[in-house]
Amino acid sequence: MQSIEIDPELNRLALAEAAKLYPEFADQASHVIARPLAQGFAWQLVWKGAPPAGQQAWEFQNAAIRAYKNLAGVRE
């Protein structure tokens, strides 16, 4: 399985894009990662400390991952 290298600049841009929609989480997110699985990848957002609870935190995470994949041209 080929690894995906996360581009730090695209990561920053993706988090900034997600923060436009959910600014309350902007300072709590660290970076996006892609963990290899048997097929494909598990995309996650790494939080600084404990992840916040609630649907809005999930939406922020999903927005950041979508933004990163879009910026990086990742198609699954």
N, C-alpha and C. Protein backbone atom coordinates (compact mmCIF):
# COMPACT_ATOMS: atom_id res chain seq x y z
N MET A 1 0.85 -1.18 0.00
CA MET A 1 0.00 0.00 0.00
C MET A 1 0.89 1.23 0.00
N GLN A 2 0.66 2.10 -0.94
CA GLN A 2 1.42 3.34 -1.04
C GLN A 2 0.98 4.31 0.06
N SER A 3 1.94 4.97 0.66
CA SER A 3 1.66 5.94 1.70
C SER A 3 1.34 7.29 1.08
N ILE A 4 0.56 8.07 1.78
CA ILE A 4 0.26 9.43 1.33
C ILE A 4 1.06 10.38 2.22
N GLU A 5 1.89 11.19 1.59
CA GLU A 5 2.64 12.20 2.34
C GLU A 5 1.79 13.45 2.44
N ILE A 6 1.59 13.92 3.64
CA ILE A 6 0.77 15.10 3.87
C ILE A 6 1.62 16.35 3.67
N ASP A 7 1.19 17.20 2.76
CA ASP A 7 1.88 18.45 2.47
C ASP A 7 1.53 19.47 3.55
N PRO A 8 2.52 19.99 4.27
CA PRO A 8 2.25 20.93 5.36
C PRO A 8 1.50 22.19 4.92
N GLU A 9 1.80 22.70 3.74
CA GLU A 9 1.13 23.91 3.26
C GLU A 9 -0.33 23.63 2.91
N LEU A 10 -0.58 22.51 2.25
CA LEU A 10 -1.97 22.14 1.94
C LEU A 10 -2.73 21.85 3.22
N ASN A 11 -2.06 21.26 4.19
CA ASN A 11 -2.68 21.00 5.48
C ASN A 11 -3.12 22.31 6.13
N ARG A 12 -2.24 23.30 6.12
CA ARG A 12 -2.56 24.61 6.69
C ARG A 12 -3.75 25.24 5.97
N LEU A 13 -3.75 25.16 4.65
CA LEU A 13 -4.85 25.73 3.86
C LEU A 13 -6.16 25.01 4.13
N ALA A 14 -6.11 23.69 4.26
CA ALA A 14 -7.32 22.91 4.53
C ALA A 14 -7.91 23.27 5.89
N LEU A 15 -7.06 23.39 6.89
CA LEU A 15 -7.56 23.77 8.23
C LEU A 15 -8.13 25.18 8.21
N ALA A 16 -7.50 26.08 7.46
CA ALA A 16 -8.02 27.44 7.36
C ALA A 16 -9.38 27.46 6.68
N GLU A 17 -9.55 26.63 5.66
CA GLU A 17 -10.84 26.56 4.96
C GLU A 17 -11.93 26.03 5.89
N ALA A 18 -11.61 24.99 6.65
CA ALA A 18 -12.59 24.43 7.60
C ALA A 18 -12.90 25.44 8.70
N ALA A 19 -11.91 26.22 9.10
CA ALA A 19 -12.11 27.22 10.16
C ALA A 19 -13.04 28.35 9.73
N LYS A 20 -13.14 28.58 8.43
CA LYS A 20 -14.09 29.59 7.95
C LYS A 20 -15.52 29.17 8.28
N LEU A 21 -15.78 27.86 8.23
CA LEU A 21 -17.11 27.34 8.51
C LEU A 21 -17.35 27.11 10.00
N TYR A 22 -16.29 26.71 10.71
CA TYR A 22 -16.39 26.36 12.13
C TYR A 22 -15.24 27.01 12.89
N PRO A 23 -15.25 28.33 13.04
CA PRO A 23 -14.12 29.04 13.66
C PRO A 23 -13.85 28.64 15.11
N GLU A 24 -14.85 28.12 15.79
CA GLU A 24 -14.66 27.76 17.19
C GLU A 24 -13.66 26.61 17.39
N PHE A 25 -13.34 25.87 16.30
CA PHE A 25 -12.41 24.75 16.41
C PHE A 25 -11.04 25.05 15.81
N ALA A 26 -10.84 26.23 15.28
CA ALA A 26 -9.61 26.55 14.55
C ALA A 26 -8.35 26.35 15.39
N ASP A 27 -8.37 26.74 16.64
CA ASP A 27 -7.18 26.63 17.47
C ASP A 27 -7.01 25.25 18.11
N GLN A 28 -7.99 24.38 17.91
CA GLN A 28 -7.94 23.06 18.55
C GLN A 28 -7.42 21.96 17.62
N ALA A 29 -7.33 22.24 16.33
CA ALA A 29 -6.92 21.24 15.36
C ALA A 29 -5.42 21.33 15.09
N SER A 30 -4.80 20.17 14.92
CA SER A 30 -3.37 20.13 14.65
C SER A 30 -3.09 19.91 13.17
N HIS A 31 -3.53 18.76 12.64
CA HIS A 31 -3.25 18.45 11.24
C HIS A 31 -4.08 17.25 10.77
N VAL A 32 -4.13 17.09 9.46
CA VAL A 32 -4.81 15.97 8.81
C VAL A 32 -3.79 14.86 8.59
N ILE A 33 -4.23 13.61 8.81
CA ILE A 33 -3.38 12.45 8.52
C ILE A 33 -4.16 11.45 7.69
N ALA A 34 -3.42 10.59 7.00
CA ALA A 34 -4.02 9.50 6.22
C ALA A 34 -3.32 8.21 6.64
N ARG A 35 -4.04 7.35 7.35
CA ARG A 35 -3.48 6.08 7.81
C ARG A 35 -3.80 5.00 6.78
N PRO A 36 -2.77 4.28 6.31
CA PRO A 36 -3.02 3.22 5.33
C PRO A 36 -3.84 2.07 5.94
N LEU A 37 -4.78 1.58 5.17
CA LEU A 37 -5.57 0.41 5.52
C LEU A 37 -5.28 -0.69 4.50
N ALA A 38 -5.90 -1.84 4.64
CA ALA A 38 -5.73 -2.90 3.65
C ALA A 38 -6.13 -2.39 2.27
N GLN A 39 -7.20 -1.61 2.22
CA GLN A 39 -7.63 -0.96 0.98
C GLN A 39 -7.91 0.50 1.31
N GLY A 40 -7.19 1.39 0.69
CA GLY A 40 -7.43 2.81 0.89
C GLY A 40 -6.77 3.37 2.14
N PHE A 41 -7.36 4.43 2.65
CA PHE A 41 -6.80 5.14 3.79
C PHE A 41 -7.91 5.54 4.74
N ALA A 42 -7.55 5.68 6.01
CA ALA A 42 -8.44 6.25 7.02
C ALA A 42 -7.97 7.68 7.24
N TRP A 43 -8.78 8.62 6.83
CA TRP A 43 -8.43 10.03 6.98
C TRP A 43 -8.91 10.51 8.34
N GLN A 44 -8.04 11.23 9.05
CA GLN A 44 -8.38 11.71 10.38
C GLN A 44 -7.85 13.13 10.57
N LEU A 45 -8.45 13.79 11.51
CA LEU A 45 -7.94 15.08 11.96
C LEU A 45 -7.33 14.86 13.33
N VAL A 46 -6.11 15.30 13.52
CA VAL A 46 -5.46 15.20 14.82
C VAL A 46 -5.75 16.49 15.59
N TRP A 47 -6.24 16.32 16.79
CA TRP A 47 -6.58 17.45 17.64
C TRP A 47 -5.44 17.74 18.60
N LYS A 48 -5.34 18.97 19.04
CA LYS A 48 -4.40 19.35 20.09
C LYS A 48 -5.12 19.04 21.41
N GLY A 49 -4.72 17.98 22.07
CA GLY A 49 -5.41 17.56 23.29
C GLY A 49 -6.61 16.70 22.96
N ALA A 50 -7.54 16.64 23.89
CA ALA A 50 -8.74 15.82 23.72
C ALA A 50 -9.63 16.41 22.64
N PRO A 51 -10.17 15.56 21.76
CA PRO A 51 -11.07 16.09 20.72
C PRO A 51 -12.35 16.64 21.33
N PRO A 52 -12.83 17.73 20.78
CA PRO A 52 -14.09 18.28 21.28
C PRO A 52 -15.26 17.36 20.93
N ALA A 53 -16.29 17.43 21.72
CA ALA A 53 -17.47 16.60 21.50
C ALA A 53 -18.49 17.35 20.65
N GLY A 54 -19.40 16.58 20.07
CA GLY A 54 -20.52 17.17 19.37
C GLY A 54 -20.44 17.08 17.86
N GLN A 55 -21.58 17.26 17.25
CA GLN A 55 -21.72 17.16 15.80
C GLN A 55 -20.89 18.21 15.07
N GLN A 56 -20.81 19.41 15.61
CA GLN A 56 -20.06 20.47 14.94
C GLN A 56 -18.57 20.12 14.84
N ALA A 57 -18.03 19.44 15.85
CA ALA A 57 -16.63 19.02 15.79
C ALA A 57 -16.43 18.01 14.67
N TRP A 58 -17.39 17.08 14.51
CA TRP A 58 -17.33 16.12 13.41
C TRP A 58 -17.41 16.84 12.07
N GLU A 59 -18.27 17.82 11.98
CA GLU A 59 -18.41 18.57 10.74
C GLU A 59 -17.13 19.34 10.40
N PHE A 60 -16.48 19.90 11.42
CA PHE A 60 -15.20 20.58 11.21
C PHE A 60 -14.17 19.58 10.68
N GLN A 61 -14.09 18.41 11.32
CA GLN A 61 -13.15 17.39 10.87
C GLN A 61 -13.43 16.99 9.43
N ASN A 62 -14.67 16.74 9.09
CA ASN A 62 -15.03 16.35 7.73
C ASN A 62 -14.70 17.46 6.73
N ALA A 63 -14.94 18.70 7.11
CA ALA A 63 -14.64 19.84 6.23
C ALA A 63 -13.14 19.94 5.98
N ALA A 64 -12.34 19.74 7.02
CA ALA A 64 -10.88 19.82 6.88
C ALA A 64 -10.37 18.70 5.98
N ILE A 65 -10.88 17.50 6.16
CA ILE A 65 -10.44 16.36 5.34
C ILE A 65 -10.86 16.55 3.89
N ARG A 66 -12.10 16.96 3.67
CA ARG A 66 -12.56 17.21 2.29
C ARG A 66 -11.71 18.29 1.63
N ALA A 67 -11.42 19.36 2.37
CA ALA A 67 -10.62 20.45 1.82
C ALA A 67 -9.21 19.96 1.48
N TYR A 68 -8.61 19.17 2.36
CA TYR A 68 -7.25 18.68 2.08
C TYR A 68 -7.26 17.80 0.83
N LYS A 69 -8.19 16.85 0.77
CA LYS A 69 -8.25 15.94 -0.37
C LYS A 69 -8.49 16.71 -1.66
N ASN A 70 -9.32 17.73 -1.62
CA ASN A 70 -9.59 18.55 -2.80
C ASN A 70 -8.33 19.31 -3.23
N LEU A 71 -7.67 19.95 -2.27
CA LEU A 71 -6.45 20.72 -2.57
C LEU A 71 -5.33 19.83 -3.10
N ALA A 72 -5.23 18.61 -2.57
CA ALA A 72 -4.17 17.69 -2.97
C ALA A 72 -4.52 16.89 -4.20
N GLY A 73 -5.77 17.00 -4.68
CA GLY A 73 -6.19 16.25 -5.85
C GLY A 73 -6.34 14.76 -5.59
N VAL A 74 -6.66 14.39 -4.34
CA VAL A 74 -6.82 12.98 -3.97
C VAL A 74 -8.20 12.52 -4.38
N ARG A 75 -8.24 11.47 -5.17
CA ARG A 75 -9.51 10.85 -5.60
C ARG A 75 -9.52 9.42 -5.10
N GLU A 76 -10.57 9.05 -4.42
CA GLU A 76 -10.67 7.67 -3.91
C GLU A 76 -11.82 6.96 -4.55
